[in-house]
């Protein structure tokens, strides 16, 4: 944060500039500076979403202690406040130099954090707290205070930034610019987003999420009725609406041709 503020104070303004700032947190082991940790001592925290009764994984004993989970969440919030203050300092320099109105600012994260939800910690799972990350954009032509429900992938940031900067589309990439969503938050973008790791792959539409494991039973969640992914409805939907399962699997097949070990071998353009 300090280095970013210094750079913004010194960067010449007679040519376009691009700055990427990456914070290592909030991340385990959730150890913010004491000054920030003290701000959250004893602060009330929302309880963790409990694991579903059908969960096929073990839950660490300490995650059954609400106070220990709350303390972890307090330190997570403290870490976020630390980062938030440095982002505020960067925006302050843009204001001081008269650059705020001509600068695009995009804030996001590479992954989320389970923080005890569903009896899980950290990331690398296909559930919403791990995968549904923040994405905030501001700048010329972007209306303030608006929320866009369009589905985007982090890879889409590349062509979006190029469009905002007035650069031509790059060749050979499968990501898509969502600049039109920034201009008009009512616009859609993707029909689905998908993800893959070694042990699983998943596809999410606005209504449903399918998770398929290399070893283990598949999971299907109706996110409209069950946003916290508490009820795996795969078995009943397979019986009653097999076409939905086939559609979601077809989307996965179109996106990922996987090796026997689940590693992505090829990304196929979504038409």
C-alpha atoms as a PDB file:
ATOM      1  CA  UNK A   1       0.000   0.000   0.000  1.00  0.00           C
ATOM      2  CA  UNK A   2       2.794   2.435   0.871  1.00  0.00           C
ATOM      3  CA  UNK A   3       4.648   1.729  -2.348  1.00  0.00           C
ATOM      4  CA  UNK A   4       1.462   2.201  -4.373  1.00  0.00           C
ATOM      5  CA  UNK A   5       0.790   5.575  -2.750  1.00  0.00           C
ATOM      6  CA  UNK A   6       4.382   6.677  -3.424  1.00  0.00           C
ATOM      7  CA  UNK A   7       4.111   5.619  -7.076  1.00  0.00           C
ATOM      8  CA  UNK A   8       0.843   7.474  -7.569  1.00  0.00           C
ATOM      9  CA  UNK A   9       2.329  10.626  -6.064  1.00  0.00           C
ATOM     10  CA  UNK A  10       5.297  10.578  -8.430  1.00  0.00           C
ATOM     11  CA  UNK A  11       3.977   9.128 -11.689  1.00  0.00           C
ATOM     12  CA  UNK A  12       4.043  11.693 -14.535  1.00  0.00           C
ATOM     13  CA  UNK A  13       0.675  12.654 -15.991  1.00  0.00           C
ATOM     14  CA  UNK A  14       1.722  13.243 -19.600  1.00  0.00           C
ATOM     15  CA  UNK A  15       1.150   9.624 -20.663  1.00  0.00           C
ATOM     16  CA  UNK A  16      -1.302   6.836 -19.753  1.00  0.00           C
ATOM     17  CA  UNK A  17      -0.383   4.712 -16.739  1.00  0.00           C
ATOM     18  CA  UNK A  18      -1.447   1.356 -15.357  1.00  0.00           C
ATOM     19  CA  UNK A  19      -0.862   0.143 -11.789  1.00  0.00           C
ATOM     20  CA  UNK A  20      -1.606  -3.306 -10.349  1.00  0.00           C
ATOM     21  CA  UNK A  21      -1.598  -3.611  -6.558  1.00  0.00           C
ATOM     22  CA  UNK A  22      -1.860  -7.057  -4.994  1.00  0.00           C
ATOM     23  CA  UNK A  23      -2.325  -7.526  -1.256  1.00  0.00           C
ATOM     24  CA  UNK A  24      -1.467 -10.923   0.222  1.00  0.00           C
ATOM     25  CA  UNK A  25      -4.445 -10.772   2.574  1.00  0.00           C
ATOM     26  CA  UNK A  26      -6.919 -11.264   3.921  1.00  0.00           C
ATOM     27  CA  UNK A  27      -5.471 -14.756   4.103  1.00  0.00           C
ATOM     28  CA  UNK A  28      -4.738 -17.432   6.651  1.00  0.00           C
ATOM     29  CA  UNK A  29      -3.388 -17.309   9.307  1.00  0.00           C
ATOM     30  CA  UNK A  30      -5.448 -14.085   9.722  1.00  0.00           C
ATOM     31  CA  UNK A  31      -2.855 -12.163  11.706  1.00  0.00           C
ATOM     32  CA  UNK A  32      -3.572  -8.432  11.220  1.00  0.00           C
ATOM     33  CA  UNK A  33      -1.486  -5.806  13.052  1.00  0.00           C
ATOM     34  CA  UNK A  34      -2.512  -5.462  16.700  1.00  0.00           C
ATOM     35  CA  UNK A  35      -3.900  -1.951  16.143  1.00  0.00           C
ATOM     36  CA  UNK A  36      -6.491  -3.352  13.744  1.00  0.00           C
ATOM     37  CA  UNK A  37      -7.138  -6.552  15.685  1.00  0.00           C
ATOM     38  CA  UNK A  38      -8.050  -4.524  18.769  1.00  0.00           C
ATOM     39  CA  UNK A  39     -10.776  -2.686  16.849  1.00  0.00           C
ATOM     40  CA  UNK A  40     -12.662  -5.955  16.481  1.00  0.00           C
ATOM     41  CA  UNK A  41     -12.160  -7.547  19.898  1.00  0.00           C
ATOM     42  CA  UNK A  42     -15.551  -8.862  20.988  1.00  0.00           C
ATOM     43  CA  UNK A  43     -17.326  -7.460  17.916  1.00  0.00           C
ATOM     44  CA  UNK A  44     -20.491  -9.403  17.002  1.00  0.00           C
ATOM     45  CA  UNK A  45     -20.104 -11.579  13.930  1.00  0.00           C
ATOM     46  CA  UNK A  46     -22.682 -13.375  11.770  1.00  0.00           C
ATOM     47  CA  UNK A  47     -22.684 -17.095  12.583  1.00  0.00           C
ATOM     48  CA  UNK A  48     -21.213 -19.563  10.134  1.00  0.00           C
ATOM     49  CA  UNK A  49     -23.549 -21.401   7.797  1.00  0.00           C
ATOM     50  CA  UNK A  50     -23.703 -24.962   9.200  1.00  0.00           C
ATOM     51  CA  UNK A  51     -22.604 -27.918   7.095  1.00  0.00           C
ATOM     52  CA  UNK A  52     -25.459 -29.789   5.433  1.00  0.00           C
ATOM     53  CA  UNK A  53     -26.556 -33.026   7.095  1.00  0.00           C
ATOM     54  CA  UNK A  54     -25.501 -34.880   3.960  1.00  0.00           C
ATOM     55  CA  UNK A  55     -21.916 -33.549   4.089  1.00  0.00           C
ATOM     56  CA  UNK A  56     -19.482 -36.309   3.151  1.00  0.00           C
ATOM     57  CA  UNK A  57     -16.471 -34.613   4.724  1.00  0.00           C
ATOM     58  CA  UNK A  58     -15.209 -34.275   8.262  1.00  0.00           C
ATOM     59  CA  UNK A  59     -15.530 -30.996  10.155  1.00  0.00           C
ATOM     60  CA  UNK A  60     -12.657 -29.946  12.479  1.00  0.00           C
ATOM     61  CA  UNK A  61     -13.828 -29.993  16.091  1.00  0.00           C
ATOM     62  CA  UNK A  62     -12.887 -26.372  16.767  1.00  0.00           C
ATOM     63  CA  UNK A  63     -15.142 -25.210  13.931  1.00  0.00           C
ATOM     64  CA  UNK A  64     -18.054 -26.391  16.065  1.00  0.00           C
ATOM     65  CA  UNK A  65     -17.151 -23.709  18.631  1.00  0.00           C
ATOM     66  CA  UNK A  66     -19.067 -20.532  17.646  1.00  0.00           C
ATOM     67  CA  UNK A  67     -16.738 -18.260  19.630  1.00  0.00           C
ATOM     68  CA  UNK A  68     -13.599 -19.590  17.933  1.00  0.00           C
ATOM     69  CA  UNK A  69     -15.224 -19.122  14.540  1.00  0.00           C
ATOM     70  CA  UNK A  70     -16.296 -15.595  15.510  1.00  0.00           C
ATOM     71  CA  UNK A  71     -12.741 -14.724  16.594  1.00  0.00           C
ATOM     72  CA  UNK A  72     -11.373 -15.918  13.247  1.00  0.00           C
ATOM     73  CA  UNK A  73     -13.953 -13.772  11.460  1.00  0.00           C
ATOM     74  CA  UNK A  74     -13.036 -10.738  13.580  1.00  0.00           C
ATOM     75  CA  UNK A  75      -9.396 -11.018  12.523  1.00  0.00           C
ATOM     76  CA  UNK A  76     -10.496 -11.393   8.907  1.00  0.00           C
ATOM     77  CA  UNK A  77     -12.494  -8.165   9.187  1.00  0.00           C
ATOM     78  CA  UNK A  78      -9.540  -6.418  10.811  1.00  0.00           C
ATOM     79  CA  UNK A  79      -7.325  -7.417   7.904  1.00  0.00           C
ATOM     80  CA  UNK A  80      -9.920  -6.106   5.444  1.00  0.00           C
ATOM     81  CA  UNK A  81     -10.002  -2.765   7.247  1.00  0.00           C
ATOM     82  CA  UNK A  82      -6.228  -2.482   6.986  1.00  0.00           C
ATOM     83  CA  UNK A  83      -6.367  -3.043   3.225  1.00  0.00           C
ATOM     84  CA  UNK A  84      -9.365  -0.734   2.906  1.00  0.00           C
ATOM     85  CA  UNK A  85      -7.443   2.121   4.491  1.00  0.00           C
ATOM     86  CA  UNK A  86      -4.585   1.752   2.005  1.00  0.00           C
ATOM     87  CA  UNK A  87      -7.002   1.676  -0.904  1.00  0.00           C
ATOM     88  CA  UNK A  88      -8.529   4.847   0.515  1.00  0.00           C
ATOM     89  CA  UNK A  89      -5.056   6.405   0.624  1.00  0.00           C
ATOM     90  CA  UNK A  90      -4.528   5.575  -3.060  1.00  0.00           C
ATOM     91  CA  UNK A  91      -7.858   7.116  -4.009  1.00  0.00           C
ATOM     92  CA  UNK A  92      -6.940  10.145  -1.920  1.00  0.00           C
ATOM     93  CA  UNK A  93      -3.773  10.712  -3.960  1.00  0.00           C
ATOM     94  CA  UNK A  94      -5.797  10.531  -7.177  1.00  0.00           C
ATOM     95  CA  UNK A  95      -8.107  13.223  -5.771  1.00  0.00           C
ATOM     96  CA  UNK A  96      -5.197  15.416  -4.682  1.00  0.00           C
ATOM     97  CA  UNK A  97      -3.608  15.252  -8.122  1.00  0.00           C
ATOM     98  CA  UNK A  98      -6.865  15.838  -9.986  1.00  0.00           C
ATOM     99  CA  UNK A  99      -6.749  12.386 -11.568  1.00  0.00           C
ATOM    100  CA  UNK A 100      -9.780  10.786  -9.947  1.00  0.00           C
ATOM    101  CA  UNK A 101     -12.241  11.719 -12.697  1.00  0.00           C
ATOM    102  CA  UNK A 102     -10.073  10.269 -15.467  1.00  0.00           C
ATOM    103  CA  UNK A 103      -8.903   7.081 -13.768  1.00  0.00           C
ATOM    104  CA  UNK A 104     -10.543   3.676 -13.867  1.00  0.00           C
ATOM    105  CA  UNK A 105     -10.290   1.755 -10.604  1.00  0.00           C
ATOM    106  CA  UNK A 106     -11.165  -1.950 -10.408  1.00  0.00           C
ATOM    107  CA  UNK A 107     -11.198  -3.904  -7.154  1.00  0.00           C
ATOM    108  CA  UNK A 108     -11.489  -7.690  -6.967  1.00  0.00           C
ATOM    109  CA  UNK A 109      -9.954 -10.813  -5.389  1.00  0.00           C
ATOM    110  CA  UNK A 110      -8.550 -14.063  -6.710  1.00  0.00           C
ATOM    111  CA  UNK A 111     -10.672 -16.191  -4.368  1.00  0.00           C
ATOM    112  CA  UNK A 112     -12.942 -16.006  -1.356  1.00  0.00           C
ATOM    113  CA  UNK A 113     -12.731 -17.617   2.079  1.00  0.00           C
ATOM    114  CA  UNK A 114     -15.008 -20.169   3.734  1.00  0.00           C
ATOM    115  CA  UNK A 115     -14.388 -18.798   7.274  1.00  0.00           C
ATOM    116  CA  UNK A 116     -16.226 -21.712   8.853  1.00  0.00           C
ATOM    117  CA  UNK A 117     -19.196 -21.721   6.488  1.00  0.00           C
ATOM    118  CA  UNK A 118     -20.336 -25.270   5.724  1.00  0.00           C
ATOM    119  CA  UNK A 119     -17.746 -26.473   8.221  1.00  0.00           C
ATOM    120  CA  UNK A 120     -14.895 -25.507   5.897  1.00  0.00           C
ATOM    121  CA  UNK A 121     -11.867 -23.236   5.933  1.00  0.00           C
ATOM    122  CA  UNK A 122      -9.811 -21.431   3.335  1.00  0.00           C
ATOM    123  CA  UNK A 123     -10.518 -21.863  -0.398  1.00  0.00           C
ATOM    124  CA  UNK A 124     -10.135 -24.487  -3.165  1.00  0.00           C
ATOM    125  CA  UNK A 125     -13.736 -25.681  -2.904  1.00  0.00           C
ATOM    126  CA  UNK A 126     -16.578 -24.942  -5.309  1.00  0.00           C
ATOM    127  CA  UNK A 127     -18.934 -23.332  -2.776  1.00  0.00           C
ATOM    128  CA  UNK A 128     -20.034 -19.703  -3.008  1.00  0.00           C
ATOM    129  CA  UNK A 129     -17.949 -18.223  -0.135  1.00  0.00           C
ATOM    130  CA  UNK A 130     -14.816 -19.542  -1.856  1.00  0.00           C
ATOM    131  CA  UNK A 131     -15.720 -18.670  -5.448  1.00  0.00           C
ATOM    132  CA  UNK A 132     -18.079 -15.668  -5.479  1.00  0.00           C
ATOM    133  CA  UNK A 133     -15.633 -12.782  -5.127  1.00  0.00           C
ATOM    134  CA  UNK A 134     -16.124  -9.001  -5.002  1.00  0.00           C
ATOM    135  CA  UNK A 135     -15.851  -6.960  -8.187  1.00  0.00           C
ATOM    136  CA  UNK A 136     -16.153  -3.173  -7.964  1.00  0.00           C
ATOM    137  CA  UNK A 137     -15.384  -0.738 -10.771  1.00  0.00           C
ATOM    138  CA  UNK A 138     -15.403   3.050 -10.944  1.00  0.00           C
ATOM    139  CA  UNK A 139     -14.317   5.600 -13.493  1.00  0.00           C
ATOM    140  CA  UNK A 140     -15.383   7.724 -16.457  1.00  0.00           C
ATOM    141  CA  UNK A 141     -18.743   6.635 -17.838  1.00  0.00           C
ATOM    142  CA  UNK A 142     -19.437   4.145 -15.044  1.00  0.00           C
ATOM    143  CA  UNK A 143     -22.586   5.124 -13.086  1.00  0.00           C
ATOM    144  CA  UNK A 144     -22.045   5.256  -9.327  1.00  0.00           C
ATOM    145  CA  UNK A 145     -24.071   3.372  -6.756  1.00  0.00           C
ATOM    146  CA  UNK A 146     -25.315   0.769  -9.249  1.00  0.00           C
ATOM    147  CA  UNK A 147     -25.286  -3.019  -8.901  1.00  0.00           C
ATOM    148  CA  UNK A 148     -24.981  -5.308 -11.897  1.00  0.00           C
ATOM    149  CA  UNK A 149     -26.135  -8.915 -11.594  1.00  0.00           C
ATOM    150  CA  UNK A 150     -24.339 -10.108 -14.741  1.00  0.00           C
ATOM    151  CA  UNK A 151     -22.148 -13.189 -14.431  1.00  0.00           C
ATOM    152  CA  UNK A 152     -18.495 -12.547 -15.219  1.00  0.00           C
ATOM    153  CA  UNK A 153     -15.214 -14.420 -14.837  1.00  0.00           C
ATOM    154  CA  UNK A 154     -11.994 -12.917 -13.516  1.00  0.00           C
ATOM    155  CA  UNK A 155     -10.367 -13.655 -16.866  1.00  0.00           C
ATOM    156  CA  UNK A 156     -12.780 -11.104 -18.347  1.00  0.00           C
ATOM    157  CA  UNK A 157     -10.868  -8.317 -16.603  1.00  0.00           C
ATOM    158  CA  UNK A 158      -8.118  -8.486 -19.232  1.00  0.00           C
ATOM    159  CA  UNK A 159     -10.218  -7.527 -22.290  1.00  0.00           C
ATOM    160  CA  UNK A 160     -12.333  -5.167 -20.174  1.00  0.00           C
ATOM    161  CA  UNK A 161      -9.305  -3.133 -19.131  1.00  0.00           C
ATOM    162  CA  UNK A 162      -8.089  -3.085 -22.722  1.00  0.00           C
ATOM    163  CA  UNK A 163     -11.460  -1.732 -23.898  1.00  0.00           C
ATOM    164  CA  UNK A 164     -11.541   0.931 -21.174  1.00  0.00           C
ATOM    165  CA  UNK A 165      -8.032   2.008 -22.173  1.00  0.00           C
ATOM    166  CA  UNK A 166      -9.002   2.258 -25.852  1.00  0.00           C
ATOM    167  CA  UNK A 167      -6.832  -0.666 -26.914  1.00  0.00           C
ATOM    168  CA  UNK A 168      -7.821  -3.193 -29.595  1.00  0.00           C
ATOM    169  CA  UNK A 169      -8.985  -6.645 -28.598  1.00  0.00           C
ATOM    170  CA  UNK A 170      -6.156  -9.096 -28.073  1.00  0.00           C
ATOM    171  CA  UNK A 171      -6.008 -12.120 -30.314  1.00  0.00           C
ATOM    172  CA  UNK A 172      -6.176 -15.684 -29.088  1.00  0.00           C
ATOM    173  CA  UNK A 173      -7.876 -15.174 -25.745  1.00  0.00           C
ATOM    174  CA  UNK A 174     -11.238 -16.607 -24.714  1.00  0.00           C
ATOM    175  CA  UNK A 175     -12.126 -13.958 -22.117  1.00  0.00           C
ATOM    176  CA  UNK A 176     -14.780 -11.359 -22.963  1.00  0.00           C
ATOM    177  CA  UNK A 177     -14.965  -7.700 -22.092  1.00  0.00           C
ATOM    178  CA  UNK A 178     -17.845  -6.709 -19.821  1.00  0.00           C
ATOM    179  CA  UNK A 179     -17.409  -2.974 -20.494  1.00  0.00           C
ATOM    180  CA  UNK A 180     -21.030  -2.730 -21.658  1.00  0.00           C
ATOM    181  CA  UNK A 181     -22.184  -3.949 -18.248  1.00  0.00           C
ATOM    182  CA  UNK A 182     -20.242  -1.090 -16.660  1.00  0.00           C
ATOM    183  CA  UNK A 183     -22.006   1.409 -18.886  1.00  0.00           C
ATOM    184  CA  UNK A 184     -25.433  -0.185 -18.397  1.00  0.00           C
ATOM    185  CA  UNK A 185     -25.806  -2.373 -15.270  1.00  0.00           C
ATOM    186  CA  UNK A 186     -29.004  -3.923 -16.652  1.00  0.00           C
ATOM    187  CA  UNK A 187     -27.079  -5.747 -19.385  1.00  0.00           C
ATOM    188  CA  UNK A 188     -26.202  -9.422 -19.157  1.00  0.00           C
ATOM    189  CA  UNK A 189     -22.826 -10.954 -19.940  1.00  0.00           C
ATOM    190  CA  UNK A 190     -22.301 -14.713 -19.567  1.00  0.00           C
ATOM    191  CA  UNK A 191     -24.911 -17.448 -19.446  1.00  0.00           C
ATOM    192  CA  UNK A 192     -22.739 -19.397 -17.036  1.00  0.00           C
ATOM    193  CA  UNK A 193     -19.320 -19.442 -15.421  1.00  0.00           C
ATOM    194  CA  UNK A 194     -17.248 -22.535 -14.769  1.00  0.00           C
ATOM    195  CA  UNK A 195     -14.186 -23.499 -12.768  1.00  0.00           C
ATOM    196  CA  UNK A 196     -11.915 -26.509 -12.379  1.00  0.00           C
ATOM    197  CA  UNK A 197      -9.332 -27.744  -9.881  1.00  0.00           C
ATOM    198  CA  UNK A 198      -7.605 -31.079  -9.539  1.00  0.00           C
ATOM    199  CA  UNK A 199     -10.412 -32.787  -7.602  1.00  0.00           C
ATOM    200  CA  UNK A 200     -13.524 -31.151  -9.049  1.00  0.00           C
ATOM    201  CA  UNK A 201     -15.073 -29.019 -11.735  1.00  0.00           C
ATOM    202  CA  UNK A 202     -18.187 -26.878 -11.509  1.00  0.00           C
ATOM    203  CA  UNK A 203     -20.568 -24.803 -13.575  1.00  0.00           C
ATOM    204  CA  UNK A 204     -22.840 -22.078 -12.262  1.00  0.00           C
ATOM    205  CA  UNK A 205     -25.799 -20.397 -13.908  1.00  0.00           C
ATOM    206  CA  UNK A 206     -27.843 -17.634 -12.270  1.00  0.00           C
ATOM    207  CA  UNK A 207     -30.097 -20.338 -10.806  1.00  0.00           C
ATOM    208  CA  UNK A 208     -28.089 -23.542 -10.404  1.00  0.00           C
ATOM    209  CA  UNK A 209     -24.639 -24.878  -9.595  1.00  0.00           C
ATOM    210  CA  UNK A 210     -23.377 -28.337 -10.525  1.00  0.00           C
ATOM    211  CA  UNK A 211     -20.219 -29.702  -8.879  1.00  0.00           C
ATOM    212  CA  UNK A 212     -18.669 -32.915 -10.179  1.00  0.00           C
ATOM    213  CA  UNK A 213     -15.874 -34.634  -8.291  1.00  0.00           C
ATOM    214  CA  UNK A 214     -13.184 -36.939  -9.607  1.00  0.00           C
ATOM    215  CA  UNK A 215     -14.027 -39.271  -6.720  1.00  0.00           C
ATOM    216  CA  UNK A 216     -17.357 -38.695  -5.026  1.00  0.00           C
ATOM    217  CA  UNK A 217     -21.015 -38.057  -5.667  1.00  0.00           C
ATOM    218  CA  UNK A 218     -21.982 -34.975  -7.707  1.00  0.00           C
ATOM    219  CA  UNK A 219     -23.757 -32.046  -6.098  1.00  0.00           C
ATOM    220  CA  UNK A 220     -26.450 -29.759  -7.471  1.00  0.00           C
ATOM    221  CA  UNK A 221     -27.770 -26.667  -5.713  1.00  0.00           C
ATOM    222  CA  UNK A 222     -30.723 -24.465  -6.548  1.00  0.00           C
ATOM    223  CA  UNK A 223     -29.138 -21.151  -5.651  1.00  0.00           C
ATOM    224  CA  UNK A 224     -32.404 -19.282  -6.080  1.00  0.00           C
ATOM    225  CA  UNK A 225     -34.064 -21.244  -3.283  1.00  0.00           C
ATOM    226  CA  UNK A 226     -30.945 -22.373  -1.430  1.00  0.00           C
ATOM    227  CA  UNK A 227     -28.282 -19.637  -1.667  1.00  0.00           C
ATOM    228  CA  UNK A 228     -26.235 -21.141   1.191  1.00  0.00           C
ATOM    229  CA  UNK A 229     -25.902 -24.522  -0.563  1.00  0.00           C
ATOM    230  CA  UNK A 230     -27.482 -26.525   2.227  1.00  0.00           C
ATOM    231  CA  UNK A 231     -29.422 -29.053   0.160  1.00  0.00           C
ATOM    232  CA  UNK A 232     -27.916 -31.206  -2.563  1.00  0.00           C
ATOM    233  CA  UNK A 233     -30.809 -31.856  -4.971  1.00  0.00           C
ATOM    234  CA  UNK A 234     -28.854 -33.798  -7.581  1.00  0.00           C
ATOM    235  CA  UNK A 235     -30.627 -37.137  -7.069  1.00  0.00           C
ATOM    236  CA  UNK A 236     -34.159 -35.772  -7.238  1.00  0.00           C
ATOM    237  CA  UNK A 237     -33.445 -33.464 -10.178  1.00  0.00           C
ATOM    238  CA  UNK A 238     -31.797 -36.315 -12.063  1.00  0.00           C
ATOM    239  CA  UNK A 239     -35.070 -38.214 -11.670  1.00  0.00           C
ATOM    240  CA  UNK A 240     -37.478 -35.369 -12.315  1.00  0.00           C
ATOM    241  CA  UNK A 241     -35.548 -33.054 -14.664  1.00  0.00           C
ATOM    242  CA  UNK A 242     -32.727 -35.023 -16.283  1.00  0.00           C
ATOM    243  CA  UNK A 243     -32.573 -32.430 -19.055  1.00  0.00           C
ATOM    244  CA  UNK A 244     -31.278 -29.856 -16.542  1.00  0.00           C
ATOM    245  CA  UNK A 245     -28.417 -32.139 -15.518  1.00  0.00           C
ATOM    246  CA  UNK A 246     -27.650 -32.828 -19.176  1.00  0.00           C
ATOM    247  CA  UNK A 247     -27.617 -29.111 -19.967  1.00  0.00           C
ATOM    248  CA  UNK A 248     -25.229 -28.274 -17.126  1.00  0.00           C
ATOM    249  CA  UNK A 249     -22.933 -31.159 -17.993  1.00  0.00           C
ATOM    250  CA  UNK A 250     -22.980 -30.063 -21.609  1.00  0.00           C
ATOM    251  CA  UNK A 251     -21.836 -26.598 -20.578  1.00  0.00           C
ATOM    252  CA  UNK A 252     -18.956 -28.111 -18.620  1.00  0.00           C
ATOM    253  CA  UNK A 253     -18.010 -30.309 -21.536  1.00  0.00           C
ATOM    254  CA  UNK A 254     -18.014 -27.295 -23.839  1.00  0.00           C
ATOM    255  CA  UNK A 255     -15.757 -25.336 -21.491  1.00  0.00           C
ATOM    256  CA  UNK A 256     -13.308 -27.982 -20.335  1.00  0.00           C
ATOM    257  CA  UNK A 257     -11.806 -30.997 -22.011  1.00  0.00           C
ATOM    258  CA  UNK A 258     -10.097 -32.578 -19.040  1.00  0.00           C
ATOM    259  CA  UNK A 259      -7.298 -35.073 -18.625  1.00  0.00           C
ATOM    260  CA  UNK A 260      -7.875 -38.211 -16.528  1.00  0.00           C
ATOM    261  CA  UNK A 261      -6.602 -36.255 -13.527  1.00  0.00           C
ATOM    262  CA  UNK A 262      -9.040 -33.389 -13.960  1.00  0.00           C
ATOM    263  CA  UNK A 263      -6.498 -30.804 -15.092  1.00  0.00           C
ATOM    264  CA  UNK A 264      -7.816 -28.467 -17.797  1.00  0.00           C
ATOM    265  CA  UNK A 265      -6.450 -29.490 -21.180  1.00  0.00           C
ATOM    266  CA  UNK A 266      -8.292 -27.062 -23.415  1.00  0.00           C
ATOM    267  CA  UNK A 267     -10.601 -24.100 -23.057  1.00  0.00           C
ATOM    268  CA  UNK A 268     -13.330 -24.096 -25.693  1.00  0.00           C
ATOM    269  CA  UNK A 269     -14.985 -20.859 -26.724  1.00  0.00           C
ATOM    270  CA  UNK A 270     -18.557 -20.489 -25.452  1.00  0.00           C
ATOM    271  CA  UNK A 271     -20.648 -19.550 -28.473  1.00  0.00           C
END
